[in-house]
Amino acid sequence: RYRELTREIAERRHAEARAQLLAATDPLTGCLNRRSM
């Protein structure tokens, strides 16, 4: 259970980082978007 828990935490952190990246950048060019700019 401890191993599953640590893996879930790592996956959750990766998903949050990915969501933050998508929310802050333009998916086509990789530039910042209007809001994050």
Full PDB file with SEQRES, HELIX, SHEET, SSBOND, CRYST1, ORIGX, SCALE, CONECT and MASTER records, all heavy atoms in Angstrom:
SEQRES   1 A   37  ARG TYR ARG GLU LEU THR ARG GLU ILE ALA GLU ARG ARG          
SEQRES   2 A   37  HIS ALA GLU ALA ARG ALA GLN LEU LEU ALA ALA THR ASP          
SEQRES   3 A   37  PRO LEU THR GLY CYS LEU ASN ARG ARG SER MET                  
HELIX    1 AA1 TYR A    2  ALA A   24  1                                  23    
CRYST1    1.000    1.000    1.000  90.00  90.00  90.00 P 1           1          
ORIGX1      1.000000  0.000000  0.000000        0.00000                         
ORIGX2      0.000000  1.000000  0.000000        0.00000                         
ORIGX3      0.000000  0.000000  1.000000        0.00000                         
SCALE1      1.000000  0.000000  0.000000        0.00000                         
SCALE2      0.000000  1.000000  0.000000        0.00000                         
SCALE3      0.000000  0.000000  1.000000        0.00000                         
ATOM      1  N   ARG A   1       0.834  -1.216   0.000  1.00  0.00           N  
ATOM      2  CA  ARG A   1       0.000   0.000   0.000  1.00  0.00           C  
ATOM      3  C   ARG A   1       0.866   1.263   0.000  1.00  0.00           C  
ATOM      4  O   ARG A   1       0.552   2.261  -0.648  1.00  0.00           O  
ATOM      5  CB  ARG A   1      -0.930  -0.011   1.211  1.00  0.00           C  
ATOM      6  CG  ARG A   1      -1.851   1.195   1.295  1.00  0.00           C  
ATOM      7  CD  ARG A   1      -2.650   1.359   0.016  1.00  0.00           C  
ATOM      8  NE  ARG A   1      -3.380   2.606  -0.018  1.00  0.00           N  
ATOM      9  CZ  ARG A   1      -3.830   3.175  -1.115  1.00  0.00           C  
ATOM     10  NH1 ARG A   1      -3.604   2.608  -2.295  1.00  0.00           N  
ATOM     11  NH2 ARG A   1      -4.484   4.313  -1.058  1.00  0.00           N  
ATOM     12  N   TYR A   2       1.991   1.166   0.728  1.00  0.00           N  
ATOM     13  CA  TYR A   2       2.901   2.316   0.766  1.00  0.00           C  
ATOM     14  C   TYR A   2       3.470   2.594  -0.633  1.00  0.00           C  
ATOM     15  O   TYR A   2       3.547   3.740  -1.074  1.00  0.00           O  
ATOM     16  CB  TYR A   2       4.019   2.050   1.772  1.00  0.00           C  
ATOM     17  CG  TYR A   2       5.115   3.086   1.723  1.00  0.00           C  
ATOM     18  CD1 TYR A   2       4.932   4.341   2.306  1.00  0.00           C  
ATOM     19  CD2 TYR A   2       6.342   2.814   1.089  1.00  0.00           C  
ATOM     20  CE1 TYR A   2       5.932   5.301   2.256  1.00  0.00           C  
ATOM     21  CE2 TYR A   2       7.343   3.766   1.039  1.00  0.00           C  
ATOM     22  CZ  TYR A   2       7.128   5.005   1.622  1.00  0.00           C  
ATOM     23  OH  TYR A   2       8.117   5.955   1.576  1.00  0.00           O  
ATOM     24  N   ARG A   3       3.853   1.529  -1.337  1.00  0.00           N  
ATOM     25  CA  ARG A   3       4.369   1.704  -2.700  1.00  0.00           C  
ATOM     26  C   ARG A   3       3.302   2.298  -3.622  1.00  0.00           C  
ATOM     27  O   ARG A   3       3.579   3.191  -4.433  1.00  0.00           O  
ATOM     28  CB  ARG A   3       4.833   0.353  -3.252  1.00  0.00           C  
ATOM     29  CG  ARG A   3       6.145  -0.134  -2.648  1.00  0.00           C  
ATOM     30  CD  ARG A   3       6.644  -1.354  -3.404  1.00  0.00           C  
ATOM     31  NE  ARG A   3       6.841  -1.042  -4.813  1.00  0.00           N  
ATOM     32  CZ  ARG A   3       7.107  -1.968  -5.738  1.00  0.00           C  
ATOM     33  NH1 ARG A   3       7.172  -3.256  -5.396  1.00  0.00           N  
ATOM     34  NH2 ARG A   3       7.294  -1.620  -6.993  1.00  0.00           N  
ATOM     35  N   GLU A   4       2.074   1.808  -3.525  1.00  0.00           N  
ATOM     36  CA  GLU A   4       0.983   2.348  -4.345  1.00  0.00           C  
ATOM     37  C   GLU A   4       0.742   3.815  -4.020  1.00  0.00           C  
ATOM     38  O   GLU A   4       0.479   4.631  -4.913  1.00  0.00           O  
ATOM     39  CB  GLU A   4      -0.287   1.531  -4.111  1.00  0.00           C  
ATOM     40  CG  GLU A   4      -0.210   0.105  -4.644  1.00  0.00           C  
ATOM     41  CD  GLU A   4      -1.440  -0.705  -4.261  1.00  0.00           C  
ATOM     42  OE1 GLU A   4      -2.306  -0.142  -3.540  1.00  0.00           O  
ATOM     43  OE2 GLU A   4      -1.544  -1.873  -4.668  1.00  0.00           O  
ATOM     44  N   LEU A   5       0.823   4.111  -2.731  1.00  0.00           N  
ATOM     45  CA  LEU A   5       0.570   5.490  -2.305  1.00  0.00           C  
ATOM     46  C   LEU A   5       1.626   6.433  -2.863  1.00  0.00           C  
ATOM     47  O   LEU A   5       1.310   7.511  -3.381  1.00  0.00           O  
ATOM     48  CB  LEU A   5       0.529   5.565  -0.774  1.00  0.00           C  
ATOM     49  CG  LEU A   5       0.221   6.942  -0.176  1.00  0.00           C  
ATOM     50  CD1 LEU A   5      -1.154   7.425  -0.648  1.00  0.00           C  
ATOM     51  CD2 LEU A   5       0.265   6.893   1.346  1.00  0.00           C  
ATOM     52  N   THR A   6       2.885   6.031  -2.769  1.00  0.00           N  
ATOM     53  CA  THR A   6       3.952   6.890  -3.301  1.00  0.00           C  
ATOM     54  C   THR A   6       3.825   7.029  -4.823  1.00  0.00           C  
ATOM     55  O   THR A   6       4.081   8.114  -5.369  1.00  0.00           O  
ATOM     56  CB  THR A   6       5.333   6.314  -2.938  1.00  0.00           C  
ATOM     57  OG1 THR A   6       5.415   4.947  -3.381  1.00  0.00           O  
ATOM     58  CG2 THR A   6       5.568   6.375  -1.440  1.00  0.00           C  
ATOM     59  N   ARG A   7       3.421   5.952  -5.511  1.00  0.00           N  
ATOM     60  CA  ARG A   7       3.245   6.044  -6.959  1.00  0.00           C  
ATOM     61  C   ARG A   7       2.076   6.968  -7.308  1.00  0.00           C  
ATOM     62  O   ARG A   7       2.148   7.761  -8.252  1.00  0.00           O  
ATOM     63  CB  ARG A   7       3.004   4.654  -7.543  1.00  0.00           C  
ATOM     64  CG  ARG A   7       2.933   4.662  -9.077  1.00  0.00           C  
ATOM     65  CD  ARG A   7       2.921   3.261  -9.676  1.00  0.00           C  
ATOM     66  NE  ARG A   7       1.733   2.523  -9.255  1.00  0.00           N  
ATOM     67  CZ  ARG A   7       1.768   1.494  -8.421  1.00  0.00           C  
ATOM     68  NH1 ARG A   7       2.925   1.102  -7.883  1.00  0.00           N  
ATOM     69  NH2 ARG A   7       0.662   0.839  -8.098  1.00  0.00           N  
ATOM     70  N   GLU A   8       0.984   6.879  -6.552  1.00  0.00           N  
ATOM     71  CA  GLU A   8      -0.155   7.756  -6.775  1.00  0.00           C  
ATOM     72  C   GLU A   8       0.226   9.223  -6.570  1.00  0.00           C  
ATOM     73  O   GLU A   8      -0.197  10.100  -7.327  1.00  0.00           O  
ATOM     74  CB  GLU A   8      -1.300   7.375  -5.836  1.00  0.00           C  
ATOM     75  CG  GLU A   8      -2.003   6.073  -6.196  1.00  0.00           C  
ATOM     76  CD  GLU A   8      -3.087   5.719  -5.190  1.00  0.00           C  
ATOM     77  OE1 GLU A   8      -3.342   6.563  -4.298  1.00  0.00           O  
ATOM     78  OE2 GLU A   8      -3.656   4.629  -5.286  1.00  0.00           O  
ATOM     79  N   ILE A   9       1.032   9.465  -5.547  1.00  0.00           N  
ATOM     80  CA  ILE A   9       1.460  10.848  -5.288  1.00  0.00           C  
ATOM     81  C   ILE A   9       2.310  11.368  -6.444  1.00  0.00           C  
ATOM     82  O   ILE A   9       2.142  12.512  -6.902  1.00  0.00           O  
ATOM     83  CB  ILE A   9       2.239  10.921  -3.951  1.00  0.00           C  
ATOM     84  CG1 ILE A   9       1.291  10.649  -2.783  1.00  0.00           C  
ATOM     85  CG2 ILE A   9       2.911  12.281  -3.796  1.00  0.00           C  
ATOM     86  CD1 ILE A   9       2.001  10.529  -1.446  1.00  0.00           C  
ATOM     87  N   ALA A  10       3.227  10.529  -6.931  1.00  0.00           N  
ATOM     88  CA  ALA A  10       4.078  10.943  -8.049  1.00  0.00           C  
ATOM     89  C   ALA A  10       3.248  11.208  -9.303  1.00  0.00           C  
ATOM     90  O   ALA A  10       3.465  12.204 -10.008  1.00  0.00           O  
ATOM     91  CB  ALA A  10       5.127   9.865  -8.325  1.00  0.00           C  
ATOM     92  N   GLU A  11       2.275  10.316  -9.568  1.00  0.00           N  
ATOM     93  CA  GLU A  11       1.417  10.505 -10.743  1.00  0.00           C  
ATOM     94  C   GLU A  11       0.562  11.752 -10.599  1.00  0.00           C  
ATOM     95  O   GLU A  11       0.342  12.485 -11.573  1.00  0.00           O  
ATOM     96  CB  GLU A  11       0.537   9.274 -10.942  1.00  0.00           C  
ATOM     97  CG  GLU A  11       1.295   8.032 -11.388  1.00  0.00           C  
ATOM     98  CD  GLU A  11       0.396   6.813 -11.463  1.00  0.00           C  
ATOM     99  OE1 GLU A  11      -0.780   6.929 -11.029  1.00  0.00           O  
ATOM    100  OE2 GLU A  11       0.855   5.761 -11.960  1.00  0.00           O  
ATOM    101  N   ARG A  12       0.070  11.999  -9.395  1.00  0.00           N  
ATOM    102  CA  ARG A  12      -0.762  13.179  -9.170  1.00  0.00           C  
ATOM    103  C   ARG A  12       0.051  14.457  -9.362  1.00  0.00           C  
ATOM    104  O   ARG A  12      -0.412  15.415  -9.962  1.00  0.00           O  
ATOM    105  CB  ARG A  12      -1.363  13.122  -7.769  1.00  0.00           C  
ATOM    106  CG  ARG A  12      -2.338  14.254  -7.476  1.00  0.00           C  
ATOM    107  CD  ARG A  12      -3.014  14.038  -6.136  1.00  0.00           C  
ATOM    108  NE  ARG A  12      -3.765  12.794  -6.112  1.00  0.00           N  
ATOM    109  CZ  ARG A  12      -4.378  12.340  -5.029  1.00  0.00           C  
ATOM    110  NH1 ARG A  12      -4.300  13.014  -3.880  1.00  0.00           N  
ATOM    111  NH2 ARG A  12      -5.049  11.217  -5.077  1.00  0.00           N  
ATOM    112  N   ARG A  13       1.279  14.452  -8.862  1.00  0.00           N  
ATOM    113  CA  ARG A  13       2.136  15.618  -9.040  1.00  0.00           C  
ATOM    114  C   ARG A  13       2.455  15.841 -10.514  1.00  0.00           C  
ATOM    115  O   ARG A  13       2.466  16.981 -10.995  1.00  0.00           O  
ATOM    116  CB  ARG A  13       3.430  15.448  -8.243  1.00  0.00           C  
ATOM    117  CG  ARG A  13       3.245  15.611  -6.748  1.00  0.00           C  
ATOM    118  CD  ARG A  13       4.534  15.333  -6.003  1.00  0.00           C  
ATOM    119  NE  ARG A  13       4.373  15.554  -4.563  1.00  0.00           N  
ATOM    120  CZ  ARG A  13       5.294  15.246  -3.665  1.00  0.00           C  
ATOM    121  NH1 ARG A  13       6.442  14.679  -4.049  1.00  0.00           N  
ATOM    122  NH2 ARG A  13       5.077  15.482  -2.394  1.00  0.00           N  
ATOM    123  N   HIS A  14       2.706  14.754 -11.237  1.00  0.00           N  
ATOM    124  CA  HIS A  14       2.974  14.873 -12.670  1.00  0.00           C  
ATOM    125  C   HIS A  14       1.747  15.407 -13.407  1.00  0.00           C  
ATOM    126  O   HIS A  14       1.873  16.266 -14.295  1.00  0.00           O  
ATOM    127  CB  HIS A  14       3.361  13.503 -13.235  1.00  0.00           C  
ATOM    128  CG  HIS A  14       3.583  13.512 -14.716  1.00  0.00           C  
ATOM    129  ND1 HIS A  14       4.702  14.071 -15.295  1.00  0.00           N  
ATOM    130  CD2 HIS A  14       2.815  13.033 -15.748  1.00  0.00           C  
ATOM    131  CE1 HIS A  14       4.621  13.948 -16.604  1.00  0.00           C  
ATOM    132  NE2 HIS A  14       3.492  13.309 -16.912  1.00  0.00           N  
ATOM    133  N   ALA A  15       0.555  14.914 -13.053  1.00  0.00           N  
ATOM    134  CA  ALA A  15      -0.681  15.378 -13.695  1.00  0.00           C  
ATOM    135  C   ALA A  15      -0.931  16.846 -13.391  1.00  0.00           C  
ATOM    136  O   ALA A  15      -1.354  17.614 -14.268  1.00  0.00           O  
ATOM    137  CB  ALA A  15      -1.861  14.525 -13.234  1.00  0.00           C  
ATOM    138  N   GLU A  16      -0.678  17.257 -12.150  1.00  0.00           N  
ATOM    139  CA  GLU A  16      -0.862  18.663 -11.790  1.00  0.00           C  
ATOM    140  C   GLU A  16       0.108  19.551 -12.555  1.00  0.00           C  
ATOM    141  O   GLU A  16      -0.257  20.630 -13.029  1.00  0.00           O  
ATOM    142  CB  GLU A  16      -0.682  18.838 -10.282  1.00  0.00           C  
ATOM    143  CG  GLU A  16      -1.812  18.244  -9.445  1.00  0.00           C  
ATOM    144  CD  GLU A  16      -1.552  18.347  -7.951  1.00  0.00           C  
ATOM    145  OE1 GLU A  16      -0.412  18.745  -7.589  1.00  0.00           O  
ATOM    146  OE2 GLU A  16      -2.460  18.031  -7.173  1.00  0.00           O  
ATOM    147  N   ALA A  17       1.373  19.078 -12.671  1.00  0.00           N  
ATOM    148  CA  ALA A  17       2.354  19.856 -13.428  1.00  0.00           C  
ATOM    149  C   ALA A  17       1.954  19.955 -14.892  1.00  0.00           C  
ATOM    150  O   ALA A  17       2.089  21.014 -15.527  1.00  0.00           O  
ATOM    151  CB  ALA A  17       3.733  19.214 -13.296  1.00  0.00           C  
ATOM    152  N   ARG A  18       1.433  18.836 -15.447  1.00  0.00           N  
ATOM    153  CA  ARG A  18       0.983  18.830 -16.828  1.00  0.00           C  
ATOM    154  C   ARG A  18      -0.205  19.767 -17.033  1.00  0.00           C  
ATOM    155  O   ARG A  18      -0.268  20.512 -18.019  1.00  0.00           O  
ATOM    156  CB  ARG A  18       0.590  17.406 -17.219  1.00  0.00           C  
ATOM    157  CG  ARG A  18       0.029  17.248 -18.626  1.00  0.00           C  
ATOM    158  CD  ARG A  18       1.076  17.522 -19.670  1.00  0.00           C  
ATOM    159  NE  ARG A  18       0.565  17.287 -21.004  1.00  0.00           N  
ATOM    160  CZ  ARG A  18       1.191  17.679 -22.101  1.00  0.00           C  
ATOM    161  NH1 ARG A  18       2.339  18.332 -22.012  1.00  0.00           N  
ATOM    162  NH2 ARG A  18       0.677  17.420 -23.282  1.00  0.00           N  
ATOM    163  N   ALA A  19      -1.131  19.746 -16.082  1.00  0.00           N  
ATOM    164  CA  ALA A  19      -2.308  20.625 -16.166  1.00  0.00           C  
ATOM    165  C   ALA A  19      -1.892  22.086 -16.082  1.00  0.00           C  
ATOM    166  O   ALA A  19      -2.423  22.941 -16.808  1.00  0.00           O  
ATOM    167  CB  ALA A  19      -3.289  20.289 -15.058  1.00  0.00           C  
ATOM    168  N   GLN A  20      -0.948  22.383 -15.187  1.00  0.00           N  
ATOM    169  CA  GLN A  20      -0.465  23.756 -15.079  1.00  0.00           C  
ATOM    170  C   GLN A  20       0.223  24.198 -16.363  1.00  0.00           C  
ATOM    171  O   GLN A  20       0.067  25.339 -16.807  1.00  0.00           O  
ATOM    172  CB  GLN A  20       0.483  23.881 -13.885  1.00  0.00           C  
ATOM    173  CG  GLN A  20      -0.208  23.771 -12.534  1.00  0.00           C  
ATOM    174  CD  GLN A  20       0.778  23.819 -11.380  1.00  0.00           C  
ATOM    175  OE1 GLN A  20       1.993  23.821 -11.586  1.00  0.00           O  
ATOM    176  NE2 GLN A  20       0.253  23.835 -10.164  1.00  0.00           N  
ATOM    177  N   LEU A  21       0.999  23.270 -16.949  1.00  0.00           N  
ATOM    178  CA  LEU A  21       1.680  23.596 -18.206  1.00  0.00           C  
ATOM    179  C   LEU A  21       0.676  23.873 -19.319  1.00  0.00           C  
ATOM    180  O   LEU A  21       0.807  24.845 -20.071  1.00  0.00           O  
ATOM    181  CB  LEU A  21       2.602  22.442 -18.597  1.00  0.00           C  
ATOM    182  CG  LEU A  21       3.390  22.621 -19.904  1.00  0.00           C  
ATOM    183  CD1 LEU A  21       4.357  23.795 -19.782  1.00  0.00           C  
ATOM    184  CD2 LEU A  21       4.127  21.344 -20.268  1.00  0.00           C  
ATOM    185  N   LEU A  22      -0.356  23.011 -19.435  1.00  0.00           N  
ATOM    186  CA  LEU A  22      -1.374  23.209 -20.468  1.00  0.00           C  
ATOM    187  C   LEU A  22      -2.161  24.491 -20.246  1.00  0.00           C  
ATOM    188  O   LEU A  22      -2.553  25.163 -21.197  1.00  0.00           O  
ATOM    189  CB  LEU A  22      -2.322  22.009 -20.499  1.00  0.00           C  
ATOM    190  CG  LEU A  22      -1.721  20.685 -20.978  1.00  0.00           C  
ATOM    191  CD1 LEU A  22      -2.731  19.562 -20.841  1.00  0.00           C  
ATOM    192  CD2 LEU A  22      -1.245  20.804 -22.428  1.00  0.00           C  
ATOM    193  N   ALA A  23      -2.400  24.822 -18.987  1.00  0.00           N  
ATOM    194  CA  ALA A  23      -3.154  26.041 -18.678  1.00  0.00           C  
ATOM    195  C   ALA A  23      -2.344  27.294 -18.948  1.00  0.00           C  
ATOM    196  O   ALA A  23      -2.907  28.367 -19.169  1.00  0.00           O  
ATOM    197  CB  ALA A  23      -3.607  26.011 -17.217  1.00  0.00           C  
ATOM    198  N   ALA A  24      -1.014  27.178 -18.946  1.00  0.00           N  
ATOM    199  CA  ALA A  24      -0.161  28.363 -19.078  1.00  0.00           C  
ATOM    200  C   ALA A  24       0.445  28.516 -20.459  1.00  0.00           C  
ATOM    201  O   ALA A  24       1.006  29.579 -20.757  1.00  0.00           O  
ATOM    202  CB  ALA A  24       0.959  28.308 -18.031  1.00  0.00           C  
ATOM    203  N   THR A  25       0.380  27.500 -21.315  1.00  0.00           N  
ATOM    204  CA  THR A  25       1.060  27.563 -22.606  1.00  0.00           C  
ATOM    205  C   THR A  25       0.112  27.290 -23.757  1.00  0.00           C  
ATOM    206  O   THR A  25      -0.972  26.736 -23.588  1.00  0.00           O  
ATOM    207  CB  THR A  25       2.217  26.538 -22.668  1.00  0.00           C  
ATOM    208  OG1 THR A  25       1.685  25.222 -22.466  1.00  0.00           O  
ATOM    209  CG2 THR A  25       3.254  26.828 -21.598  1.00  0.00           C  
ATOM    210  N   ASP A  26       0.568  27.676 -24.936  1.00  0.00           N  
ATOM    211  CA  ASP A  26      -0.154  27.399 -26.168  1.00  0.00           C  
ATOM    212  C   ASP A  26       0.248  26.016 -26.657  1.00  0.00           C  
ATOM    213  O   ASP A  26       1.441  25.736 -26.842  1.00  0.00           O  
ATOM    214  CB  ASP A  26       0.198  28.453 -27.223  1.00  0.00           C  
ATOM    215  CG  ASP A  26      -0.354  28.114 -28.576  1.00  0.00           C  
ATOM    216  OD1 ASP A  26      -1.584  27.961 -28.690  1.00  0.00           O  
ATOM    217  OD2 ASP A  26       0.442  27.974 -29.522  1.00  0.00           O  
ATOM    218  N   PRO A  27      -0.688  25.095 -26.871  1.00  0.00           N  
ATOM    219  CA  PRO A  27      -0.327  23.706 -27.216  1.00  0.00           C  
ATOM    220  C   PRO A  27       0.380  23.570 -28.556  1.00  0.00           C  
ATOM    221  O   PRO A  27       1.137  22.627 -28.754  1.00  0.00           O  
ATOM    222  CB  PRO A  27      -1.685  22.987 -27.219  1.00  0.00           C  
ATOM    223  CG  PRO A  27      -2.706  24.066 -27.409  1.00  0.00           C  
ATOM    224  CD  PRO A  27      -2.143  25.278 -26.747  1.00  0.00           C  
ATOM    225  N   LEU A  28       0.151  24.502 -29.486  1.00  0.00           N  
ATOM    226  CA  LEU A  28       0.766  24.389 -30.809  1.00  0.00           C  
ATOM    227  C   LEU A  28       2.230  24.824 -30.791  1.00  0.00           C  
ATOM    228  O   LEU A  28       3.108  24.102 -31.270  1.00  0.00           O  
ATOM    229  CB  LEU A  28      -0.021  25.224 -31.827  1.00  0.00           C  
ATOM    230  CG  LEU A  28       0.589  25.303 -33.230  1.00  0.00           C  
ATOM    231  CD1 LEU A  28       0.577  23.922 -33.887  1.00  0.00           C  
ATOM    232  CD2 LEU A  28      -0.178  26.309 -34.093  1.00  0.00           C  
ATOM    233  N   THR A  29       2.503  25.991 -30.225  1.00  0.00           N  
ATOM    234  CA  THR A  29       3.842  26.575 -30.318  1.00  0.00           C  
ATOM    235  C   THR A  29       4.674  26.400 -29.053  1.00  0.00           C  
ATOM    236  O   THR A  29       5.887  26.605 -29.088  1.00  0.00           O  
ATOM    237  CB  THR A  29       3.728  28.075 -30.617  1.00  0.00           C  
ATOM    238  OG1 THR A  29       3.019  28.719 -29.543  1.00  0.00           O  
ATOM    239  CG2 THR A  29       2.971  28.309 -31.921  1.00  0.00           C  
ATOM    240  N   GLY A  30       4.027  26.039 -27.948  1.00  0.00           N  
ATOM    241  CA  GLY A  30       4.748  25.940 -26.690  1.00  0.00           C  
ATOM    242  C   GLY A  30       5.024  27.276 -26.035  1.00  0.00           C  
ATOM    243  O   GLY A  30       5.682  27.340 -24.986  1.00  0.00           O  
ATOM    244  N   CYS A  31       4.522  28.359 -26.614  1.00  0.00           N  
ATOM    245  CA  CYS A  31       4.669  29.689 -26.010  1.00  0.00           C  
ATOM    246  C   CYS A  31       3.692  29.835 -24.845  1.00  0.00           C  
ATOM    247  O   CYS A  31       2.774  29.037 -24.666  1.00  0.00           O  
ATOM    248  CB  CYS A  31       4.369  30.770 -27.043  1.00  0.00           C  
ATOM    249  SG  CYS A  31       5.447  30.762 -28.480  1.00  0.00           S  
ATOM    250  N   LEU A  32       3.894  30.884 -24.071  1.00  0.00           N  
ATOM    251  CA  LEU A  32       2.900  31.232 -23.069  1.00  0.00           C  
ATOM    252  C   LEU A  32       1.606  31.615 -23.764  1.00  0.00           C  
ATOM    253  O   LEU A  32       1.601  31.997 -24.934  1.00  0.00           O  
ATOM    254  CB  LEU A  32       3.391  32.405 -22.213  1.00  0.00           C  
ATOM    255  CG  LEU A  32       4.686  32.196 -21.413  1.00  0.00           C  
ATOM    256  CD1 LEU A  32       5.061  33.491 -20.692  1.00  0.00           C  
ATOM    257  CD2 LEU A  32       4.551  31.056 -20.429  1.00  0.00           C  
ATOM    258  N   ASN A  33       0.487  31.504 -23.045  1.00  0.00           N  
ATOM    259  CA  ASN A  33      -0.777  31.989 -23.602  1.00  0.00           C  
ATOM    260  C   ASN A  33      -1.102  33.360 -23.021  1.00  0.00           C  
ATOM    261  O   ASN A  33      -0.341  33.920 -22.241  1.00  0.00           O  
ATOM    262  CB  ASN A  33      -1.909  30.990 -23.364  1.00  0.00           C  
ATOM    263  CG  ASN A  33      -2.110  30.678 -21.886  1.00  0.00           C  
ATOM    264  OD1 ASN A  33      -1.791  31.489 -21.011  1.00  0.00           O  
ATOM    265  ND2 ASN A  33      -2.647  29.499 -21.596  1.00  0.00           N  
ATOM    266  N   ARG A  34      -2.245  33.897 -23.427  1.00  0.00           N  
ATOM    267  CA  ARG A  34      -2.591  35.268 -23.025  1.00  0.00           C  
ATOM    268  C   ARG A  34      -2.670  35.417 -21.510  1.00  0.00           C  
ATOM    269  O   ARG A  34      -2.166  36.390 -20.952  1.00  0.00           O  
ATOM    270  CB  ARG A  34      -3.929  35.665 -23.659  1.00  0.00           C  
ATOM    271  CG  ARG A  34      -4.391  37.068 -23.299  1.00  0.00           C  
ATOM    272  CD  ARG A  34      -5.745  37.360 -23.923  1.00  0.00           C  
ATOM    273  NE  ARG A  34      -5.642  37.470 -25.368  1.00  0.00           N  
ATOM    274  CZ  ARG A  34      -5.415  38.597 -26.018  1.00  0.00           C  
ATOM    275  NH1 ARG A  34      -5.250  39.731 -25.345  1.00  0.00           N  
ATOM    276  NH2 ARG A  34      -5.350  38.615 -27.336  1.00  0.00           N  
ATOM    277  N   ARG A  35      -3.292  34.456 -20.836  1.00  0.00           N  
ATOM    278  CA  ARG A  35      -3.481  34.587 -19.393  1.00  0.00           C  
ATOM    279  C   ARG A  35      -2.153  34.539 -18.645  1.00  0.00           C  
ATOM    280  O   ARG A  35      -1.885  35.386 -17.780  1.00  0.00           O  
ATOM    281  CB  ARG A  35      -4.407  33.475 -18.888  1.00  0.00           C  
ATOM    282  CG  ARG A  35      -4.719  33.567 -17.407  1.00  0.00           C  
ATOM    283  CD  ARG A  35      -5.701  32.492 -16.983  1.00  0.00           C  
ATOM    284  NE  ARG A  35      -5.172  31.152 -17.196  1.00  0.00           N  
ATOM    285  CZ  ARG A  35      -5.848  30.049 -16.907  1.00  0.00           C  
ATOM    286  NH1 ARG A  35      -7.087  30.135 -16.442  1.00  0.00           N  
ATOM    287  NH2 ARG A  35      -5.319  28.861 -17.124  1.00  0.00           N  
ATOM    288  N   SER A  36      -1.303  33.569 -18.992  1.00  0.00           N  
ATOM    289  CA  SER A  36      -0.031  33.453 -18.290  1.00  0.00           C  
ATOM    290  C   SER A  36       0.926  34.576 -18.662  1.00  0.00           C  
ATOM    291  O   SER A  36       1.832  34.907 -17.898  1.00  0.00           O  
ATOM    292  CB  SER A  36       0.612  32.099 -18.582  1.00  0.00           C  
ATOM    293  OG  SER A  36       0.808  31.930 -19.968  1.00  0.00           O  
ATOM    294  N   MET A  37       0.735  35.163 -19.860  1.00  0.00           N  
ATOM    295  CA  MET A  37       1.602  36.270 -20.263  1.00  0.00           C  
ATOM    296  C   MET A  37       1.419  37.477 -19.355  1.00  0.00           C  
ATOM    297  O   MET A  37       2.365  38.230 -19.085  1.00  0.00           O  
ATOM    298  CB  MET A  37       1.305  36.650 -21.716  1.00  0.00           C  
ATOM    299  CG  MET A  37       2.216  37.742 -22.272  1.00  0.00           C  
ATOM    300  SD  MET A  37       3.949  37.283 -22.244  1.00  0.00           S  
ATOM    301  CE  MET A  37       4.654  38.563 -23.291  1.00  0.00           C  
TER     302      MET A  37                                                      
MASTER        0    0    0    1    0    0    0    6  301    1    0    3          
END                                                                             
